[in-house]
C-alpha cells in the first residue's frame, strides 16, 4: 500500500477520506506523478529504527532509539538551504521517527544530525491556545514522499498537507475539510538546537516575518499566506518553548497556502529569496521544477539489470548523497561568514561537509557529478580559512585537506588554488588546525594519558585514531604539494604519512595506544569500544586496517600471511554484546558497518591478491545491511550526511575510492549489468559487466586490459568504456 501511494499520488485517497467524513466536494489536490529514475527513490528509507540484536551486535537499551538511518522524508533540492520535513519528536536526529504516530510540525532545515529543524509550523483546527499540546495523529497509509515532495493527512485536524520546496523557500499547501476555526502554529521556541530567542510579527494582512536564534545561527523567515490573518496569539514570546498561533479568517477557500522563504542573514533577504524563487507561481509549478531538478541529477547514472530492490536502494542512496552540504548564501549573494558578519559573493556559499564521514566517498561522488557545487564549497572553506586562519574540518581528523586535494587532482580548479593551499599547509603544521599537532610532529604519534580503568565515555586524545587519520591527511596534502611543485613540503608530508606505523604493536598486531614515554597502553582490550580514548568511536579491531594511502606498507607491517588471518578475524571474531557504544553498531564480527572508521576494510583483501574475499564481504553488506526490517526501510548506522548512502552507490556500481584523495577507483563486480554515466562535461562512460559470476575477472578500459585493480579518474573526464568481466 505504501509503495503504491508513494509512487502514484493521493488524489483518490483524499477524495475517499472526504467522502467518508460526509463531504461531497472532491479534493482539489492534484495527483503527484513521479516519473523516470525519481520513481525509484524512497525517501522513507532510513527512518525506521534498526533493533535486531543479531545485526546491531547487542540488545538496544530500553531508553535508546538506535542510531540507524536518521534520515528525513521531506522535500529538498540538491544541497539546498531548505529541507522541509515533518517532525515527530524533538532531539531525535532528523526529527522524524517512523514508529511515531503523531506529527508536531513541519520544519524548514534538516541534516539528519541532532541540530537544525528550524522554523516548525503546523496547521490546526479547533479552539486552541498557543500553550496547548498541539499535534496530530497520522497513518503511513495516508503519507507519501518523492524527491521534492511530501504529503500527509493529519487525521486529528482533518487536513491534507502537501509540501514542496526551492533552494531557499518552502511551499506548504493545506487542504482543510472546513473553512472555519483554522490556525497555523508557529512553534518558534523549538528546534533541535536550543532556542535562545525568537520573534514573530505581522507585516501585512496575510504576511508575517520573524527569526529563530539558536546560538550558533540566526534563521530568519518571511511568509505569505493566501488567507488573511485574523489575529496572532503568543505564549512565552521570545522564550525557549514559546509559540504563536496565527488565527485565519474564513475566506471560503478550503486550501490554505503558506509560501515561506528563509535566510541566515535577514528577514529582508528571506523575503527576496521567496519573491525570486516562488513569487506567485503555483504549488504544482514549484513541484514540477523540483522534480525536473532531481530527475536531471539522478539520470546522470543510469543502471540496467539488478533486482527491483537493488535499483530502489541505488537511486534512494544516490538521492541521499546530494542533500548535504547545505547552501547558506541568499539569492543576492549575501551570507553570514565565519566571523558572524554579513558578506557577499558572486558564488554560492555552503556549510562545510560532514568531513569526518563524507571525505571517504560522498564528497568524491559529488565532485564527479556536481563539480561546480564542489568548487563553490571549497571556495566557501577558503573564505572560512581567511576569516579563522585554518581550513575547517568536521568533528575529527583534518579531512578538509583530503577533500580539497582530491577534488583538485580530479580536475576541479575553479577556486583560489594557491591561496587555499597556503591555508591547508597551516592546518598541517599548527595546533589550531590540528589538535595535538605538536606531539604528532615531534613524537610521530599522539600519546594517550595513563588512565587505569577507561570507560566508553572517557575523555582523552583519541591518539590512535588521530595519528592514523593525520598520517592519511599528510599524504593527501602531499599529493597536492607535488602537483603544485612544492617539493620541500611534499617530502616532509610524505615522511609524516608513515606515522601510522608508530601505532602498530607487533606483539598484539593491533593499532594500539601509546603513552608519552613510548610504552603501550596497558591493560589493553582490543574489543572494547571508546568514544575518544585511543580510538574515536571505534575499537582496536576497527582501526587496525586504516592506512588507505599505503596498503602495501600496512601489509608489510603484518606480514602477508598474518594480514590475511587478521583480516579474516575482523569479519568473524564475535562481538561482545555487553560492549555497548551507541554509534558503534551493526556488526559483522568486529567490523562495524554502522559507523565509518573502518569502511575501507571490506576492500582490504585486494592488497594481498584476494579480491574474491573482498567481493564476498562487499556483497554481504550490500545485500544484508541496507533496506532491512519489516518495512524494508532499516539502514545500518546513521547515514551521516550521505556517507552510508555513497558507500552503497559506489560499491553497487563496482567502484570505490579506496584512498579518497587519489584520482582512481578500485574495481569490484557491480550489481548491475550495464551502467551509463553522463558526466557534467557531456562525456559518457559506459560500464558493462559480462558474466553472472560474482568473482572478478579481467578489467578492460577502452578495450585494453588494465594492470592491477584500479581505473583512473581520467576515464570519467574523457569518456569511454569500462568492461568488468567475471570468472
Foldseek 3Di string as FASTA:
>chain_A
DLLCCQAWFDQVVLQVVLVVVVHNDGDPDDGDHADDLQNLAAQLFFQEADQPCVFFQFGDDPVDGFQFALGFQAEDFFQFQWGWGWAQDAQRQQRHHPPGFKTQFIFTDHQSGLFFSAFTKDKAFDDDAQLDRDIFGWDSVQWYGTHQKTWTQRVVRRWIWIWGADRFKIKIKIQGSDLPRMKMKGQRLDTSQHWQFKDWDDDDQFKIWMWTCRPVFIKIKIKGKPFGFPDKHKDPHTHRRIIIIGTTDRPPGRMMMMMMGMARPDHVLSVVLRCVQPNPNDPVVRSVVSSVSLNVQLVLKDFFDFDSLLSSLQSNLSVLLRHDDHWHAGPQQWGQAPVRDIDGDPAIATDAAQQVQCLFFSLLVCLFAPVSVLQNDLQNQLRNCVVQVARDHHDAFLRVLLSVLLSVQLPRDPHDLVSSLVRHVVLQQDCVNPPQSVCCLPVLWRAWDQDPDDAQEDDIALTLAHLQRSLLSLCSSLSVCVVVVVVVSNVSSPVSNPSNLLQQDQVVRWRFHAHPVSHTHPPADQQAHHCRGNHNRAGRLQQNCRSLVCLVVSCVSQPVVSVVVSLVQCQDQRHDNVRDDSQQTRHRRRHGLQDHSRLLSLCSVLSSVCRVSSLVVLVCCLVPATQDDPRSNIHRHHCRSSSSSSSSNQVQQQWGCSSSSAQKTFGFQHSGQWMWRQTPVRAIEIEGEPDDDRAWDFKDWQRHTDDGGMDGSVCSVHHGYIYIYHD
